[in-house]
Amino acid sequence: MKRIVVIMICALLTITIMGCTKQAGVKNTIQGNMKTYYEMSDGTWKCDDYLYKYRLEINGRMPNAAVDSSFVYLSNLEEITFDQAYMAAGVSSDSSDYFTPKEAVLVEMN
């Protein structure tokens, strides 16, 4: 009898603990001109099954350009320079200039 009571208490505790864990849901869907991405309810960002801590808007002027460019990256890196942003956007022929999907992803470019 005691064994059944202990098993039932353990089952109730497991259900209670599992019910308390809350997964982040989608707060907002953004149609970027490069990729669709999601603002999550816990403050993170999601794109292509990867979660990112930051949404970075990076502005500047590329060499010999007549107008400024703007890049929006979802990133787990706290900072991305303008030079890194435009090189990783497809300008560079050196693969080391590109971000891995876990590091950052380009979602908008203007």
C-alpha atoms as a PDB file:
ATOM      1  CA  MET A   1       0.000   0.000   0.000  1.00  0.00           C
ATOM      2  CA  LYS A   2       2.801   2.420   0.896  1.00  0.00           C
ATOM      3  CA  ARG A   3       4.486   1.628  -2.401  1.00  0.00           C
ATOM      4  CA  ILE A   4       1.362   2.669  -4.368  1.00  0.00           C
ATOM      5  CA  VAL A   5       1.118   5.934  -2.420  1.00  0.00           C
ATOM      6  CA  VAL A   6       4.789   6.715  -3.104  1.00  0.00           C
ATOM      7  CA  ILE A   7       4.358   5.951  -6.816  1.00  0.00           C
ATOM      8  CA  MET A   8       1.282   8.195  -7.002  1.00  0.00           C
ATOM      9  CA  ILE A   9       3.086  11.050  -5.235  1.00  0.00           C
ATOM     10  CA  CYS A  10       6.030  10.718  -7.631  1.00  0.00           C
ATOM     11  CA  ALA A  11       3.660  10.743 -10.603  1.00  0.00           C
ATOM     12  CA  LEU A  12       1.914  13.880  -9.332  1.00  0.00           C
ATOM     13  CA  LEU A  13       5.238  15.635  -8.751  1.00  0.00           C
ATOM     14  CA  THR A  14       6.408  14.729 -12.266  1.00  0.00           C
ATOM     15  CA  ILE A  15       3.203  16.068 -13.811  1.00  0.00           C
ATOM     16  CA  THR A  16       3.444  19.268 -11.735  1.00  0.00           C
ATOM     17  CA  ILE A  17       7.085  19.868 -12.666  1.00  0.00           C
ATOM     18  CA  MET A  18       6.428  19.222 -16.361  1.00  0.00           C
ATOM     19  CA  GLY A  19       3.446  21.560 -16.285  1.00  0.00           C
ATOM     20  CA  CYS A  20       5.567  24.365 -14.828  1.00  0.00           C
ATOM     21  CA  THR A  21       8.151  24.334 -17.597  1.00  0.00           C
ATOM     22  CA  LYS A  22       7.061  26.798 -20.214  1.00  0.00           C
ATOM     23  CA  GLN A  23       8.410  26.784 -23.731  1.00  0.00           C
ATOM     24  CA  ALA A  24       8.675  30.031 -25.622  1.00  0.00           C
ATOM     25  CA  GLY A  25       6.011  30.578 -28.234  1.00  0.00           C
ATOM     26  CA  VAL A  26       6.044  32.733 -31.324  1.00  0.00           C
ATOM     27  CA  LYS A  27       5.251  36.348 -30.455  1.00  0.00           C
ATOM     28  CA  ASN A  28       5.658  37.819 -33.939  1.00  0.00           C
ATOM     29  CA  THR A  29       6.389  36.544 -37.466  1.00  0.00           C
ATOM     30  CA  ILE A  30       8.533  38.779 -39.676  1.00  0.00           C
ATOM     31  CA  GLN A  31       8.772  38.351 -43.450  1.00  0.00           C
ATOM     32  CA  GLY A  32      12.329  39.474 -44.100  1.00  0.00           C
ATOM     33  CA  ASN A  33      13.381  39.967 -47.713  1.00  0.00           C
ATOM     34  CA  MET A  34      15.960  37.174 -47.293  1.00  0.00           C
ATOM     35  CA  LYS A  35      14.254  34.823 -44.806  1.00  0.00           C
ATOM     36  CA  THR A  36      11.164  34.595 -42.623  1.00  0.00           C
ATOM     37  CA  TYR A  37      12.022  34.780 -38.932  1.00  0.00           C
ATOM     38  CA  TYR A  38      10.242  34.805 -35.603  1.00  0.00           C
ATOM     39  CA  GLU A  39      10.355  36.877 -32.440  1.00  0.00           C
ATOM     40  CA  MET A  40       9.803  34.483 -29.555  1.00  0.00           C
ATOM     41  CA  SER A  41       7.895  35.265 -26.364  1.00  0.00           C
ATOM     42  CA  ASP A  42      11.046  34.794 -24.251  1.00  0.00           C
ATOM     43  CA  GLY A  43      12.922  37.550 -26.145  1.00  0.00           C
ATOM     44  CA  THR A  44      14.949  35.282 -28.427  1.00  0.00           C
ATOM     45  CA  TRP A  45      14.721  35.068 -32.219  1.00  0.00           C
ATOM     46  CA  LYS A  46      14.263  31.996 -34.408  1.00  0.00           C
ATOM     47  CA  CYS A  47      15.082  31.217 -38.040  1.00  0.00           C
ATOM     48  CA  ASP A  48      15.556  27.854 -39.772  1.00  0.00           C
ATOM     49  CA  ASP A  49      15.278  25.891 -36.489  1.00  0.00           C
ATOM     50  CA  TYR A  50      18.073  27.909 -34.816  1.00  0.00           C
ATOM     51  CA  LEU A  51      17.553  30.195 -31.823  1.00  0.00           C
ATOM     52  CA  TYR A  52      19.429  33.494 -31.579  1.00  0.00           C
ATOM     53  CA  LYS A  53      19.913  35.904 -28.681  1.00  0.00           C
ATOM     54  CA  TYR A  54      20.165  39.103 -30.718  1.00  0.00           C
ATOM     55  CA  ARG A  55      18.595  40.883 -33.683  1.00  0.00           C
ATOM     56  CA  LEU A  56      21.229  43.265 -35.033  1.00  0.00           C
ATOM     57  CA  GLU A  57      20.515  46.107 -37.478  1.00  0.00           C
ATOM     58  CA  ILE A  58      23.830  47.066 -39.058  1.00  0.00           C
ATOM     59  CA  ASN A  59      24.078  50.179 -41.245  1.00  0.00           C
ATOM     60  CA  GLY A  60      26.932  51.670 -43.228  1.00  0.00           C
ATOM     61  CA  ARG A  61      28.354  52.297 -46.672  1.00  0.00           C
ATOM     62  CA  MET A  62      30.224  49.710 -48.691  1.00  0.00           C
ATOM     63  CA  PRO A  63      33.381  50.828 -50.521  1.00  0.00           C
ATOM     64  CA  ASN A  64      32.567  52.803 -53.708  1.00  0.00           C
ATOM     65  CA  ALA A  65      28.805  52.654 -53.020  1.00  0.00           C
ATOM     66  CA  ALA A  66      26.571  55.671 -53.683  1.00  0.00           C
ATOM     67  CA  VAL A  67      24.134  54.925 -50.830  1.00  0.00           C
ATOM     68  CA  ASP A  68      24.182  53.307 -47.410  1.00  0.00           C
ATOM     69  CA  SER A  69      23.303  49.643 -46.929  1.00  0.00           C
ATOM     70  CA  SER A  70      21.417  48.011 -44.097  1.00  0.00           C
ATOM     71  CA  PHE A  71      21.718  44.414 -42.905  1.00  0.00           C
ATOM     72  CA  VAL A  72      19.591  42.644 -40.303  1.00  0.00           C
ATOM     73  CA  TYR A  73      21.207  39.603 -38.737  1.00  0.00           C
ATOM     74  CA  LEU A  74      19.882  37.255 -36.094  1.00  0.00           C
ATOM     75  CA  SER A  75      22.933  36.412 -34.049  1.00  0.00           C
ATOM     76  CA  ASN A  76      24.374  34.700 -31.034  1.00  0.00           C
ATOM     77  CA  LEU A  77      27.299  37.109 -31.339  1.00  0.00           C
ATOM     78  CA  GLU A  78      26.704  40.284 -29.377  1.00  0.00           C
ATOM     79  CA  GLU A  79      28.277  42.475 -32.040  1.00  0.00           C
ATOM     80  CA  ILE A  80      28.875  42.273 -35.791  1.00  0.00           C
ATOM     81  CA  THR A  81      30.777  45.059 -37.536  1.00  0.00           C
ATOM     82  CA  PHE A  82      29.570  46.549 -40.805  1.00  0.00           C
ATOM     83  CA  ASP A  83      32.578  45.067 -42.618  1.00  0.00           C
ATOM     84  CA  GLN A  84      31.740  41.594 -41.276  1.00  0.00           C
ATOM     85  CA  ALA A  85      28.060  42.071 -42.186  1.00  0.00           C
ATOM     86  CA  TYR A  86      28.565  42.969 -45.814  1.00  0.00           C
ATOM     87  CA  MET A  87      31.344  40.446 -46.400  1.00  0.00           C
ATOM     88  CA  ALA A  88      29.163  37.653 -44.980  1.00  0.00           C
ATOM     89  CA  ALA A  89      26.193  38.848 -47.057  1.00  0.00           C
ATOM     90  CA  GLY A  90      27.760  37.384 -50.178  1.00  0.00           C
ATOM     91  CA  VAL A  91      30.519  39.816 -51.142  1.00  0.00           C
ATOM     92  CA  SER A  92      33.456  37.718 -49.996  1.00  0.00           C
ATOM     93  CA  SER A  93      34.899  34.753 -51.853  1.00  0.00           C
ATOM     94  CA  ASP A  94      36.666  33.629 -48.654  1.00  0.00           C
ATOM     95  CA  SER A  95      34.524  31.116 -46.753  1.00  0.00           C
ATOM     96  CA  SER A  96      36.073  32.185 -43.436  1.00  0.00           C
ATOM     97  CA  ASP A  97      34.218  35.525 -43.795  1.00  0.00           C
ATOM     98  CA  TYR A  98      30.850  33.790 -43.499  1.00  0.00           C
ATOM     99  CA  PHE A  99      28.980  32.943 -40.300  1.00  0.00           C
ATOM    100  CA  THR A 100      27.955  29.435 -39.342  1.00  0.00           C
ATOM    101  CA  PRO A 101      24.185  28.980 -38.872  1.00  0.00           C
ATOM    102  CA  LYS A 102      24.727  28.765 -35.098  1.00  0.00           C
ATOM    103  CA  GLU A 103      26.557  32.120 -35.074  1.00  0.00           C
ATOM    104  CA  ALA A 104      24.330  34.301 -37.254  1.00  0.00           C
ATOM    105  CA  VAL A 105      21.943  34.401 -40.200  1.00  0.00           C
ATOM    106  CA  LEU A 106      21.133  37.258 -42.594  1.00  0.00           C
ATOM    107  CA  VAL A 107      17.373  37.851 -42.684  1.00  0.00           C
ATOM    108  CA  GLU A 108      17.072  41.303 -44.285  1.00  0.00           C
ATOM    109  CA  MET A 109      19.214  43.375 -46.609  1.00  0.00           C
ATOM    110  CA  ASN A 110      18.507  46.821 -48.075  1.00  0.00           C
END
